[in-house]
């Protein structure tokens, strides 16, 4: 399982610095999570001020 950044992302970058695996990169409009690198630790979701990061099933 990995996390997903939704359209609620305000592109603040708070999640980027928190990801221990550097799985989050800047996308065209919002940040994106590389699902191959994501370990599902949830650190990014905890740091997101817009609650834009959710766990996938």
C-alpha atoms as a PDB file:
ATOM      1  CA  UNK A   1       0.000   0.000   0.000  1.00  0.00           C
ATOM      2  CA  UNK A   2       1.047   3.552  -0.620  1.00  0.00           C
ATOM      3  CA  UNK A   3      -0.340   6.991  -0.015  1.00  0.00           C
ATOM      4  CA  UNK A   4      -1.889   9.262  -2.620  1.00  0.00           C
ATOM      5  CA  UNK A   5      -1.926  13.055  -2.828  1.00  0.00           C
ATOM      6  CA  UNK A   6      -5.384  14.305  -3.778  1.00  0.00           C
ATOM      7  CA  UNK A   7      -6.478  17.425  -5.637  1.00  0.00           C
ATOM      8  CA  UNK A   8      -6.779  19.132  -2.237  1.00  0.00           C
ATOM      9  CA  UNK A   9      -2.986  19.601  -2.360  1.00  0.00           C
ATOM     10  CA  UNK A  10      -1.990  23.247  -2.061  1.00  0.00           C
ATOM     11  CA  UNK A  11       1.587  22.513  -3.216  1.00  0.00           C
ATOM     12  CA  UNK A  12       3.148  23.837  -0.024  1.00  0.00           C
ATOM     13  CA  UNK A  13       5.882  21.167   0.009  1.00  0.00           C
ATOM     14  CA  UNK A  14       5.545  20.285   3.699  1.00  0.00           C
ATOM     15  CA  UNK A  15       5.328  16.587   2.853  1.00  0.00           C
ATOM     16  CA  UNK A  16       8.510  16.557   0.772  1.00  0.00           C
ATOM     17  CA  UNK A  17      10.811  17.315   3.702  1.00  0.00           C
ATOM     18  CA  UNK A  18       9.056  14.753   5.917  1.00  0.00           C
ATOM     19  CA  UNK A  19       9.291  11.744   3.576  1.00  0.00           C
ATOM     20  CA  UNK A  20      12.180   9.546   4.768  1.00  0.00           C
ATOM     21  CA  UNK A  21      12.397   7.768   1.393  1.00  0.00           C
ATOM     22  CA  UNK A  22      12.249  10.849  -0.848  1.00  0.00           C
ATOM     23  CA  UNK A  23       9.199   9.353  -2.574  1.00  0.00           C
ATOM     24  CA  UNK A  24       7.443  12.696  -3.050  1.00  0.00           C
ATOM     25  CA  UNK A  25       8.210  14.880  -6.034  1.00  0.00           C
ATOM     26  CA  UNK A  26       6.757  18.078  -7.440  1.00  0.00           C
ATOM     27  CA  UNK A  27       4.232  17.351 -10.169  1.00  0.00           C
ATOM     28  CA  UNK A  28       2.714  19.685 -12.732  1.00  0.00           C
ATOM     29  CA  UNK A  29       0.107  21.201 -10.401  1.00  0.00           C
ATOM     30  CA  UNK A  30       0.409  19.204  -7.167  1.00  0.00           C
ATOM     31  CA  UNK A  31       2.977  16.969  -5.545  1.00  0.00           C
ATOM     32  CA  UNK A  32       2.990  13.258  -6.392  1.00  0.00           C
ATOM     33  CA  UNK A  33       4.075  10.146  -4.504  1.00  0.00           C
ATOM     34  CA  UNK A  34       6.115   7.458  -6.252  1.00  0.00           C
ATOM     35  CA  UNK A  35       4.221   4.330  -5.199  1.00  0.00           C
ATOM     36  CA  UNK A  36       7.291   2.185  -5.862  1.00  0.00           C
ATOM     37  CA  UNK A  37       9.242   4.097  -3.209  1.00  0.00           C
ATOM     38  CA  UNK A  38       6.471   4.759  -0.686  1.00  0.00           C
ATOM     39  CA  UNK A  39       6.682   2.524   2.404  1.00  0.00           C
ATOM     40  CA  UNK A  40       3.238   3.591   3.697  1.00  0.00           C
ATOM     41  CA  UNK A  41       4.708   5.108   6.857  1.00  0.00           C
ATOM     42  CA  UNK A  42       2.159   7.960   6.890  1.00  0.00           C
ATOM     43  CA  UNK A  43       4.620  10.676   7.846  1.00  0.00           C
ATOM     44  CA  UNK A  44       3.603  12.732   4.836  1.00  0.00           C
ATOM     45  CA  UNK A  45      -0.097  12.559   5.718  1.00  0.00           C
ATOM     46  CA  UNK A  46       0.654  13.675   9.266  1.00  0.00           C
ATOM     47  CA  UNK A  47       2.546  16.720   7.987  1.00  0.00           C
ATOM     48  CA  UNK A  48       0.006  17.845   5.363  1.00  0.00           C
ATOM     49  CA  UNK A  49      -1.798  21.039   6.472  1.00  0.00           C
ATOM     50  CA  UNK A  50      -4.497  20.533   3.788  1.00  0.00           C
ATOM     51  CA  UNK A  51      -5.242  16.883   4.686  1.00  0.00           C
ATOM     52  CA  UNK A  52      -4.609  16.113   1.011  1.00  0.00           C
ATOM     53  CA  UNK A  53      -2.783  12.808   1.528  1.00  0.00           C
ATOM     54  CA  UNK A  54      -4.744   9.603   1.926  1.00  0.00           C
ATOM     55  CA  UNK A  55      -3.901   5.917   2.198  1.00  0.00           C
ATOM     56  CA  UNK A  56      -4.753   3.802  -0.823  1.00  0.00           C
ATOM     57  CA  UNK A  57      -6.296   0.363  -0.640  1.00  0.00           C
END
